[in-house]
Amino acid sequence: MRRTAFSLMISACFLTGCSEPHLEIFPPLDDPALIEKKIAPADLREDIDAFYFGALERHPDLIGYADIPALEALSSSLKTNITKPLTRLEFFRTVGQLTHTFGDGHSMLIWPYQEYEQLQETGSKPFPFRVHIDQENQLLIKNNYETPSGENITAGSRITAINGISAETLIDSMQRYVGGETEYLRKQFVAARFPIYIWAVHDVMNDFTLNLETDRGDTYSMPISKNQPWQEIGETEEESRDFYYKNLGTKTAYLHVGHFDIDPDWFEEFIDEAFESFKNTGATSLVVDVRANTGGNTDTALYLSRYLANKPFRMVSKVREKLNSDNRGWFNYKGNVGDLIDTDWDDWIDPMPEGKRFKGEKYVLISPITYSSGIVFASTMKDFGFATLIGQETGGNANQTAQGNLFNLPHSQLRAYITTRMLVRPSGANTPGGIKPDYEVHATQASLQAGEDVELNQALELIRSK
């Protein structure tokens, strides 16, 4: 169930339903002909203003997240540079650059998903390889790939260019279209959705040329065709799923939670089954992997936390919400547009009963793209001491934004997503930065080439030492 479409990285259903228009992620276009239409420059300039002022109206702390003078300057520059009619996709390559200046992974302009889906439905093939961007800004092939005719690309191979554009230029340009508190986080989101952004920003789809460098320093160029059936090798069917669990031996269990964007009823059944299995096999140590977890529904994160907790806990300590025309409640009972509502969070949750919760050693693997309700989960584990955290600091802030509004720009109908809430971590600390691991380890080009899982290996080493 590996998904390349979009995990919104947020708690879009946090404390509310998801049926209202301002909470619907991917509505269809009212007029599909708009995909091909050229939109007048004056209308496009109005859409840029609508994106900026829509963010200003909704975000609970845009001044704290964004460099407002830089945001305004870029907005003005983009409007000045629009001198001819553009399609929606062409316009996205202009207005989408505002996204990174918001400095928030929950505030962005969504790529033209209708065009992307239409291309796939008519037989076009997106970029076929999963990639990793390391701390040295290298763009690396993440897994081994081959075709039935014998072509192959090995894990850890470095992409030096695509269609003659250097990897450094590609990474820097694409991260400008992605939401995120830090540039490193934005680059990790680019890596996670590389096929989408390499198309949306650089029009790479179907046939292209890949320039690669091997671990020996050899360089070569490889033409990639949409007719090549590239297959990822070395990954089991189990590991291709977003949710699974297994026994690692020596009474150690492993639970992979790829996201929290899942039906709560299904998730609860899955988690009940997993922990019943851990109990039956006599597991005394548990590794929970949320490295790829970019968020979802906080109800699912809470349910998992109950199995790992040994005392009452809360997921957040305070919520701040900014009111706008969409979220004021029935008959506007919450207040006026622009009001900031602060609420202390006193909803303390009991752990699972004594016979159900896991009592052994617990380890949680995190990464720079653990985000949104993934961060809320990690901060709960950290602040209450429920688990040992291993990996790298989350790229998103420990105090997360959430509960966004979605709205269309008036003329292009491009869809914007802007957060309306801020969640303060359970401890109440306002320390800047992300959730820091107790043990920091990093994947390298060498570890990718060797197929090593450095975070999991660190957890197993700690388990063995005990």
Protein backbone atom coordinates (compact mmCIF):
# COMPACT_ATOMS: atom_id res chain seq x y z
CA MET A 1 0.00 0.00 0.00
CA ARG A 2 2.92 2.34 -0.66
CA ARG A 3 1.40 5.62 -1.79
CA THR A 4 2.86 8.20 -4.13
CA ALA A 5 -0.20 10.40 -4.33
CA PHE A 6 -0.29 12.51 -1.21
CA SER A 7 -0.29 12.09 2.53
CA LEU A 8 -1.33 15.48 3.79
CA MET A 9 1.01 15.17 6.76
CA ILE A 10 -1.60 16.61 8.99
CA SER A 11 -4.34 15.91 11.36
CA ALA A 12 -7.00 16.99 8.88
CA CYS A 13 -9.70 15.36 10.95
CA PHE A 14 -8.38 16.54 14.31
CA LEU A 15 -11.42 17.10 16.50
CA THR A 16 -13.76 17.56 13.56
CA GLY A 17 -15.34 15.90 10.56
CA CYS A 18 -13.91 15.93 7.05
CA SER A 19 -16.95 16.37 4.86
CA GLU A 20 -16.96 20.17 4.61
CA PRO A 21 -15.58 21.74 1.39
CA HIS A 22 -12.74 23.52 3.18
CA LEU A 23 -11.54 20.15 4.50
CA GLU A 24 -11.81 18.15 1.26
CA ILE A 25 -8.31 17.49 -0.05
CA PHE A 26 -8.71 16.56 -3.71
CA PRO A 27 -12.05 17.72 -5.14
CA PRO A 28 -12.47 17.44 -8.92
CA LEU A 29 -12.43 20.51 -11.13
CA ASP A 30 -15.86 21.96 -11.82
CA ASP A 31 -14.73 22.44 -15.43
CA PRO A 32 -12.09 19.94 -16.64
CA ALA A 33 -11.46 22.18 -19.66
CA LEU A 34 -9.59 24.48 -17.28
CA ILE A 35 -6.64 22.06 -17.50
CA GLU A 36 -5.87 23.24 -21.04
CA LYS A 37 -7.06 26.84 -20.72
CA LYS A 38 -4.67 29.77 -20.87
CA ILE A 39 -5.49 32.17 -18.02
CA ALA A 40 -5.10 35.93 -18.41
CA PRO A 41 -2.18 37.64 -16.58
CA ALA A 42 -4.47 39.93 -14.57
CA ASP A 43 -6.37 36.90 -13.25
CA LEU A 44 -3.14 35.11 -12.38
CA ARG A 45 -1.90 38.12 -10.42
CA GLU A 46 -5.18 38.10 -8.48
CA ASP A 47 -4.58 34.42 -7.69
CA ILE A 48 -1.15 35.20 -6.23
CA ASP A 49 -2.77 37.75 -3.93
CA ALA A 50 -5.49 35.24 -3.02
CA PHE A 51 -2.84 32.70 -1.99
CA TYR A 52 -0.88 35.17 0.14
CA PHE A 53 -3.87 36.84 1.81
CA GLY A 54 -5.58 33.48 2.27
CA ALA A 55 -2.57 32.37 4.28
CA LEU A 56 -2.49 35.60 6.25
CA GLU A 57 -6.17 35.23 7.12
CA ARG A 58 -5.93 31.60 8.29
CA HIS A 59 -2.51 30.89 9.78
CA PRO A 60 -2.40 31.27 13.59
CA ASP A 61 1.19 32.60 13.58
CA LEU A 62 2.35 33.38 10.05
CA ILE A 63 4.55 36.20 11.35
CA GLY A 64 6.32 33.70 13.60
CA TYR A 65 6.84 31.16 10.80
CA ALA A 66 7.45 33.28 7.71
CA ASP A 67 9.78 36.13 6.82
CA ILE A 68 6.93 38.48 5.94
CA PRO A 69 9.04 41.11 4.08
CA ALA A 70 10.65 38.35 1.99
CA LEU A 71 7.24 36.78 1.36
CA GLU A 72 5.78 40.09 0.22
CA ALA A 73 8.80 40.86 -1.95
CA LEU A 74 8.63 37.47 -3.67
CA SER A 75 4.87 37.84 -4.18
CA SER A 76 5.39 41.23 -5.81
CA SER A 77 8.20 39.92 -8.00
CA LEU A 78 6.18 36.93 -9.19
CA LYS A 79 3.26 39.18 -10.14
CA THR A 80 5.57 41.50 -12.07
CA ASN A 81 7.01 38.59 -14.04
CA ILE A 82 3.64 37.37 -15.27
CA THR A 83 3.32 39.00 -18.68
CA LYS A 84 1.44 36.39 -20.74
CA PRO A 85 -1.42 33.91 -20.30
CA LEU A 86 -0.46 30.63 -18.63
CA THR A 87 -1.99 27.21 -18.10
CA ARG A 88 -2.58 25.98 -14.54
CA LEU A 89 0.60 23.88 -14.64
CA GLU A 90 2.67 26.76 -15.99
CA PHE A 91 1.20 29.06 -13.35
CA PHE A 92 1.95 26.56 -10.58
CA ARG A 93 5.63 26.83 -11.52
CA THR A 94 5.35 30.52 -10.68
CA VAL A 95 2.98 30.87 -7.72
CA GLY A 96 4.07 27.59 -6.12
CA GLN A 97 7.39 29.18 -5.18
CA LEU A 98 5.63 31.13 -2.42
CA THR A 99 5.11 27.88 -0.50
CA HIS A 100 8.60 27.55 0.97
CA THR A 101 8.53 31.11 2.30
CA PHE A 102 5.66 30.21 4.66
CA GLY A 103 8.11 28.04 6.62
CA ASP A 104 5.41 25.55 7.61
CA GLY A 105 4.80 22.03 6.34
CA HIS A 106 1.07 22.50 6.83
CA SER A 107 0.81 25.54 4.55
CA MET A 108 1.29 25.05 0.83
CA LEU A 109 -0.04 25.17 -2.68
CA ILE A 110 -0.86 21.64 -3.83
CA TRP A 111 0.55 20.61 -7.20
CA PRO A 112 -1.97 20.39 -10.11
CA TYR A 113 -3.13 16.92 -9.14
CA GLN A 114 -5.85 16.80 -11.79
CA GLU A 115 -3.24 17.13 -14.56
CA TYR A 116 -1.00 14.52 -12.92
CA GLU A 117 -3.85 12.03 -12.63
CA GLN A 118 -4.95 12.69 -16.21
CA LEU A 119 -1.45 11.95 -17.52
CA GLN A 120 -1.29 8.66 -15.63
CA GLU A 121 -4.76 7.65 -16.80
CA THR A 122 -3.69 8.17 -20.43
CA GLY A 123 -0.59 5.98 -20.07
CA SER A 124 2.15 8.36 -19.04
CA LYS A 125 4.74 7.00 -16.58
CA PRO A 126 6.23 9.13 -13.79
CA PHE A 127 9.83 8.91 -12.56
CA PRO A 128 10.16 5.22 -11.56
CA PHE A 129 12.82 5.24 -8.81
CA ARG A 130 12.72 5.98 -5.11
CA VAL A 131 15.43 8.40 -3.99
CA HIS A 132 17.20 9.60 -0.85
CA ILE A 133 18.68 13.05 -0.22
CA ASP A 134 21.47 12.85 2.34
CA GLN A 135 22.99 15.49 4.62
CA GLU A 136 25.60 16.31 1.95
CA ASN A 137 22.76 17.16 -0.47
CA GLN A 138 23.52 14.12 -2.61
CA LEU A 139 20.63 12.66 -4.60
CA LEU A 140 20.90 8.88 -4.26
CA ILE A 141 18.97 5.93 -5.68
CA LYS A 142 17.41 4.34 -2.60
CA ASN A 143 16.99 0.71 -3.73
CA ASN A 144 18.18 -1.74 -6.36
CA TYR A 145 16.29 -1.74 -9.68
CA GLU A 146 16.34 -3.91 -12.77
CA THR A 147 14.40 -4.65 -15.94
CA PRO A 148 13.64 -8.09 -17.40
CA SER A 149 16.03 -7.29 -20.27
CA GLY A 150 18.98 -6.92 -17.86
CA GLU A 151 19.34 -3.18 -17.27
CA ASN A 152 20.03 -2.36 -13.64
CA ILE A 153 20.71 0.48 -11.22
CA THR A 154 22.19 -0.27 -7.81
CA ALA A 155 21.18 1.22 -4.48
CA GLY A 156 23.40 4.12 -3.44
CA SER A 157 24.13 5.23 -7.00
CA ARG A 158 24.38 9.01 -7.08
CA ILE A 159 22.23 10.95 -9.52
CA THR A 160 24.39 13.76 -10.86
CA ALA A 161 21.87 15.15 -13.37
CA ILE A 162 18.48 14.56 -14.97
CA ASN A 163 17.94 15.84 -18.51
CA GLY A 164 21.16 17.83 -18.15
CA ILE A 165 20.04 19.66 -15.00
CA SER A 166 22.39 19.08 -12.08
CA ALA A 167 21.04 17.26 -9.03
CA GLU A 168 21.92 20.25 -6.82
CA THR A 169 19.84 22.56 -9.03
CA LEU A 170 16.95 20.10 -9.11
CA ILE A 171 16.86 19.71 -5.33
CA ASP A 172 17.16 23.44 -4.63
CA SER A 173 14.46 24.38 -7.13
CA MET A 174 11.95 21.72 -6.08
CA GLN A 175 12.20 22.45 -2.35
CA ARG A 176 10.89 25.94 -3.09
CA TYR A 177 7.50 24.39 -3.94
CA VAL A 178 7.25 22.36 -0.72
CA GLY A 179 6.04 23.30 2.76
CA GLY A 180 8.33 22.75 5.71
CA GLU A 181 9.89 24.50 8.69
CA THR A 182 13.44 23.89 7.48
CA GLU A 183 15.11 23.55 4.10
CA TYR A 184 16.30 20.07 5.06
CA LEU A 185 12.74 18.98 5.84
CA ARG A 186 11.51 20.37 2.52
CA LYS A 187 14.21 18.41 0.71
CA GLN A 188 13.14 15.24 2.49
CA PHE A 189 9.55 15.84 1.38
CA VAL A 190 10.85 16.34 -2.16
CA ALA A 191 12.58 12.95 -1.91
CA ALA A 192 9.40 11.32 -0.60
CA ARG A 193 7.33 12.70 -3.53
CA PHE A 194 10.06 12.92 -6.12
CA PRO A 195 8.00 11.64 -9.10
CA ILE A 196 5.38 14.32 -8.50
CA TYR A 197 7.69 17.30 -8.02
CA ILE A 198 10.17 16.39 -10.78
CA TRP A 199 7.15 16.49 -13.09
CA ALA A 200 5.38 19.52 -11.60
CA VAL A 201 8.51 21.70 -11.56
CA HIS A 202 10.69 20.28 -14.37
CA ASP A 203 8.24 18.40 -16.61
CA VAL A 204 10.08 15.05 -16.23
CA MET A 205 7.67 12.31 -17.26
CA ASN A 206 7.92 9.24 -19.50
CA ASP A 207 11.31 9.52 -21.25
CA PHE A 208 14.34 11.26 -19.75
CA THR A 209 18.11 10.94 -19.35
CA LEU A 210 19.66 9.97 -16.04
CA ASN A 211 23.32 10.73 -15.26
CA LEU A 212 24.71 8.48 -12.54
CA GLU A 213 27.88 7.93 -10.54
CA THR A 214 28.68 4.54 -8.99
CA ASP A 215 30.35 3.90 -5.64
CA ARG A 216 33.65 3.47 -7.56
CA GLY A 217 33.36 6.95 -9.03
CA ASP A 218 32.44 5.75 -12.52
CA THR A 219 29.98 8.02 -14.33
CA TYR A 220 27.57 7.07 -17.07
CA SER A 221 24.42 8.27 -18.79
CA MET A 222 21.30 6.12 -18.98
CA PRO A 223 18.24 6.89 -21.14
CA ILE A 224 15.04 5.97 -19.31
CA SER A 225 11.92 5.11 -21.29
CA LYS A 226 8.33 4.78 -20.14
CA ASN A 227 8.32 1.39 -21.86
CA GLN A 228 10.98 0.00 -19.52
CA PRO A 229 9.34 -2.11 -16.77
CA TRP A 230 11.69 -1.15 -13.93
CA GLN A 231 11.26 -3.36 -10.90
CA GLU A 232 12.47 -2.70 -7.37
CA ILE A 233 14.36 -5.69 -6.06
CA GLY A 234 15.42 -6.72 -2.58
CA GLU A 235 12.26 -5.45 -0.88
CA THR A 236 9.83 -8.05 0.40
CA GLU A 237 6.10 -7.81 -0.22
CA GLU A 238 5.68 -7.21 3.51
CA GLU A 239 8.09 -4.26 3.50
CA SER A 240 6.22 -2.58 0.63
CA ARG A 241 3.19 -2.14 2.89
CA ASP A 242 2.56 0.87 5.11
CA PHE A 243 1.50 -1.25 8.10
CA TYR A 244 3.06 -4.52 9.21
CA TYR A 245 4.66 -6.23 12.17
CA LYS A 246 7.10 -9.09 12.57
CA ASN A 247 9.38 -10.90 14.99
CA LEU A 248 13.07 -9.92 14.81
CA GLY A 249 14.18 -12.80 17.02
CA THR A 250 15.57 -12.80 20.56
CA LYS A 251 12.10 -11.79 21.82
CA THR A 252 12.19 -8.54 19.85
CA ALA A 253 9.12 -7.37 17.90
CA TYR A 254 8.97 -4.77 15.14
CA LEU A 255 5.98 -2.59 14.21
CA HIS A 256 5.99 -0.43 11.07
CA VAL A 257 3.49 2.44 11.00
CA GLY A 258 3.94 4.24 7.69
CA HIS A 259 1.38 6.94 8.43
CA PHE A 260 -1.62 7.73 10.61
CA ASP A 261 -3.84 8.66 7.66
CA ILE A 262 -6.00 5.55 7.93
CA ASP A 263 -9.51 4.58 8.98
CA PRO A 264 -9.41 4.46 12.82
CA ASP A 265 -11.51 1.28 13.02
CA TRP A 266 -9.17 -0.59 10.68
CA PHE A 267 -6.11 0.75 12.51
CA GLU A 268 -7.41 -0.28 15.92
CA GLU A 269 -8.04 -3.83 14.70
CA PHE A 270 -4.53 -3.94 13.22
CA ILE A 271 -2.90 -2.66 16.42
CA ASP A 272 -4.94 -5.01 18.62
CA GLU A 273 -3.83 -7.92 16.47
CA ALA A 274 -0.19 -6.79 16.52
CA PHE A 275 0.06 -6.45 20.28
CA GLU A 276 -1.78 -9.73 20.84
CA SER A 277 0.87 -11.33 18.64
CA PHE A 278 3.69 -9.65 20.62
CA LYS A 279 2.17 -11.02 23.80
CA ASN A 280 1.78 -14.53 22.43
CA THR A 281 5.39 -14.67 21.20
CA GLY A 282 6.72 -13.41 24.53
CA ALA A 283 8.36 -10.28 23.10
CA THR A 284 10.25 -8.29 25.72
CA SER A 285 11.45 -5.51 23.39
CA LEU A 286 9.55 -3.57 20.73
CA VAL A 287 10.75 -1.32 17.92
CA VAL A 288 8.12 1.05 16.50
CA ASP A 289 9.14 2.55 13.15
CA VAL A 290 7.63 5.95 12.26
CA ARG A 291 10.51 7.20 10.12
CA ALA A 292 8.31 7.51 7.02
CA ASN A 293 5.24 8.65 8.96
CA THR A 294 4.19 12.08 7.72
CA GLY A 295 1.04 12.16 9.82
CA GLY A 296 -2.70 11.73 9.49
CA ASN A 297 -5.41 11.29 12.07
CA THR A 298 -4.37 11.94 15.68
CA ASP A 299 -6.97 9.41 16.87
CA THR A 300 -4.83 6.63 15.40
CA ALA A 301 -1.65 8.03 16.98
CA LEU A 302 -3.45 8.18 20.32
CA TYR A 303 -4.62 4.56 20.09
CA LEU A 304 -1.09 3.31 19.46
CA SER A 305 0.20 5.45 22.34
CA ARG A 306 -2.19 3.74 24.76
CA TYR A 307 -0.41 0.42 24.15
CA LEU A 308 2.99 1.97 24.92
CA ALA A 309 2.00 4.15 27.90
CA ASN A 310 2.37 3.13 31.53
CA LYS A 311 0.49 6.09 33.05
CA PRO A 312 -2.15 8.65 32.02
CA PHE A 313 -0.95 11.00 29.27
CA ARG A 314 -2.05 13.72 26.91
CA MET A 315 -0.98 14.28 23.31
CA VAL A 316 -0.81 18.09 23.52
CA SER A 317 -0.89 20.63 26.33
CA LYS A 318 -2.51 23.59 24.55
CA VAL A 319 -4.28 24.41 21.26
CA ARG A 320 -4.37 27.81 19.57
CA GLU A 321 -6.84 28.36 16.72
CA LYS A 322 -7.28 31.32 14.40
CA LEU A 323 -10.85 31.87 13.25
CA ASN A 324 -11.77 32.56 9.65
CA SER A 325 -14.99 32.45 7.65
CA ASP A 326 -14.81 28.63 7.38
CA ASN A 327 -14.10 27.52 10.95
CA ARG A 328 -16.20 29.73 13.23
CA GLY A 329 -18.70 26.95 13.93
CA TRP A 330 -22.48 26.87 13.75
CA PHE A 331 -23.89 30.42 13.79
CA ASN A 332 -20.29 31.65 14.32
CA TYR A 333 -20.43 30.67 17.97
CA LYS A 334 -16.64 30.49 18.32
CA GLY A 335 -16.07 34.18 17.66
CA ASN A 336 -15.13 36.68 14.98
CA VAL A 337 -12.88 36.32 11.94
CA GLY A 338 -9.30 36.90 13.05
CA ASP A 339 -9.84 35.92 16.69
CA LEU A 340 -7.15 33.72 18.29
CA ILE A 341 -8.63 31.15 20.66
CA ASP A 342 -6.29 29.53 23.22
CA THR A 343 -7.47 26.35 24.93
CA ASP A 344 -5.63 24.35 27.58
CA TRP A 345 -5.77 20.66 26.77
CA ASP A 346 -6.99 18.70 29.79
CA ASP A 347 -7.99 15.49 28.03
CA TRP A 348 -5.80 12.95 29.84
CA ILE A 349 -5.89 9.46 28.37
CA ASP A 350 -5.52 6.19 30.28
CA PRO A 351 -3.15 3.52 28.96
CA MET A 352 -4.45 0.15 27.91
CA PRO A 353 -5.42 -2.18 30.78
CA GLU A 354 -2.62 -4.02 32.56
CA GLY A 355 -2.99 -7.22 30.56
CA LYS A 356 -2.97 -5.56 27.13
CA ARG A 357 -0.30 -2.84 27.11
CA PHE A 358 3.30 -3.62 26.24
CA LYS A 359 5.51 -3.63 29.33
CA GLY A 360 8.93 -4.36 27.83
CA GLU A 361 11.61 -2.05 26.43
CA LYS A 362 10.26 0.27 23.73
CA TYR A 363 12.18 2.04 20.97
CA VAL A 364 10.79 4.48 18.41
CA LEU A 365 12.63 5.18 15.14
CA ILE A 366 12.22 8.76 13.87
CA SER A 367 13.57 10.76 10.93
CA PRO A 368 13.47 14.26 9.43
CA ILE A 369 10.21 13.40 7.65
CA THR A 370 8.42 12.08 10.72
CA TYR A 371 5.86 14.87 10.74
CA SER A 372 2.52 16.24 11.92
CA SER A 373 0.70 13.62 14.00
CA GLY A 374 3.89 11.55 13.63
CA ILE A 375 5.63 14.29 15.61
CA VAL A 376 2.74 14.47 18.07
CA PHE A 377 3.19 10.74 18.66
CA ALA A 378 6.98 11.05 19.02
CA SER A 379 6.70 14.00 21.43
CA THR A 380 4.27 11.98 23.58
CA MET A 381 6.77 9.11 23.74
CA LYS A 382 9.59 11.54 24.55
CA ASP A 383 7.89 13.81 27.07
CA PHE A 384 6.41 10.98 29.13
CA GLY A 385 9.43 8.70 28.84
CA PHE A 386 7.42 5.90 27.25
CA ALA A 387 10.12 4.95 24.71
CA THR A 388 13.73 5.55 23.64
CA LEU A 389 13.93 7.57 20.41
CA ILE A 390 16.50 6.66 17.73
CA GLY A 391 17.30 8.34 14.41
CA GLN A 392 17.52 12.00 13.46
CA GLU A 393 15.80 15.14 14.74
CA THR A 394 12.45 15.72 13.09
CA GLY A 395 12.58 18.45 10.47
CA GLY A 396 9.27 19.84 11.68
CA ASN A 397 8.82 21.70 14.94
CA ALA A 398 8.03 19.82 18.13
CA ASN A 399 5.10 22.21 18.57
CA GLN A 400 3.08 21.43 15.47
CA THR A 401 0.55 23.28 13.37
CA ALA A 402 -2.57 21.37 12.35
CA GLN A 403 -6.19 21.47 11.18
CA GLY A 404 -5.90 23.33 7.91
CA ASN A 405 -8.40 24.92 5.59
CA LEU A 406 -8.33 24.10 1.90
CA PHE A 407 -9.47 26.63 -0.67
CA ASN A 408 -9.13 27.20 -4.41
CA LEU A 409 -7.46 30.20 -5.98
CA PRO A 410 -10.31 31.97 -7.78
CA HIS A 411 -9.20 31.82 -11.42
CA SER A 412 -6.75 28.92 -11.77
CA GLN A 413 -8.60 26.77 -9.21
CA LEU A 414 -5.25 25.57 -7.86
CA ARG A 415 -5.83 24.21 -4.36
CA ALA A 416 -4.19 25.79 -1.32
CA TYR A 417 -3.84 24.31 2.13
CA ILE A 418 -3.24 26.60 5.13
CA THR A 419 -3.11 25.56 8.77
CA THR A 420 -5.42 27.17 11.32
CA ARG A 421 -4.19 25.60 14.60
CA MET A 422 -1.05 25.26 16.67
CA LEU A 423 -0.49 22.34 19.05
CA VAL A 424 1.91 22.67 21.99
CA ARG A 425 3.72 19.45 22.90
CA PRO A 426 2.66 17.57 26.07
CA SER A 427 5.44 19.03 28.24
CA GLY A 428 4.39 22.57 27.34
CA ALA A 429 7.98 23.42 26.37
CA ASN A 430 8.45 26.11 23.73
CA THR A 431 11.97 25.03 22.82
CA PRO A 432 12.58 25.71 19.10
CA GLY A 433 13.37 22.90 16.71
CA GLY A 434 12.11 19.38 16.30
CA ILE A 435 11.92 16.26 18.42
CA LYS A 436 15.47 15.17 19.19
CA PRO A 437 16.33 11.46 19.40
CA ASP A 438 18.01 9.93 22.43
CA TYR A 439 20.44 8.23 20.02
CA GLU A 440 21.29 10.03 16.78
CA VAL A 441 22.34 7.94 13.77
CA HIS A 442 22.39 8.73 10.03
CA ALA A 443 22.14 6.72 6.83
CA THR A 444 25.11 7.21 4.49
CA GLN A 445 25.85 6.38 0.88
CA ALA A 446 27.89 3.42 2.14
CA SER A 447 25.07 2.13 4.35
CA LEU A 448 22.60 2.40 1.47
CA GLN A 449 24.96 0.49 -0.82
CA ALA A 450 25.37 -2.20 1.84
CA GLY A 451 21.61 -2.39 2.44
CA GLU A 452 22.07 -1.53 6.11
CA ASP A 453 19.32 -0.10 8.29
CA VAL A 454 21.39 2.03 10.65
CA GLU A 455 18.53 3.12 12.92
CA LEU A 456 17.17 -0.38 13.38
CA ASN A 457 20.70 -1.70 13.93
CA GLN A 458 21.18 0.87 16.72
CA ALA A 459 17.97 -0.29 18.39
CA LEU A 460 19.05 -3.93 18.18
CA GLU A 461 22.45 -3.06 19.59
CA LEU A 462 20.80 -1.36 22.57
CA ILE A 463 18.54 -4.37 23.08
CA ARG A 464 21.50 -6.75 22.98
CA SER A 465 23.42 -4.61 25.46
CA LYS A 466 20.60 -5.03 27.97
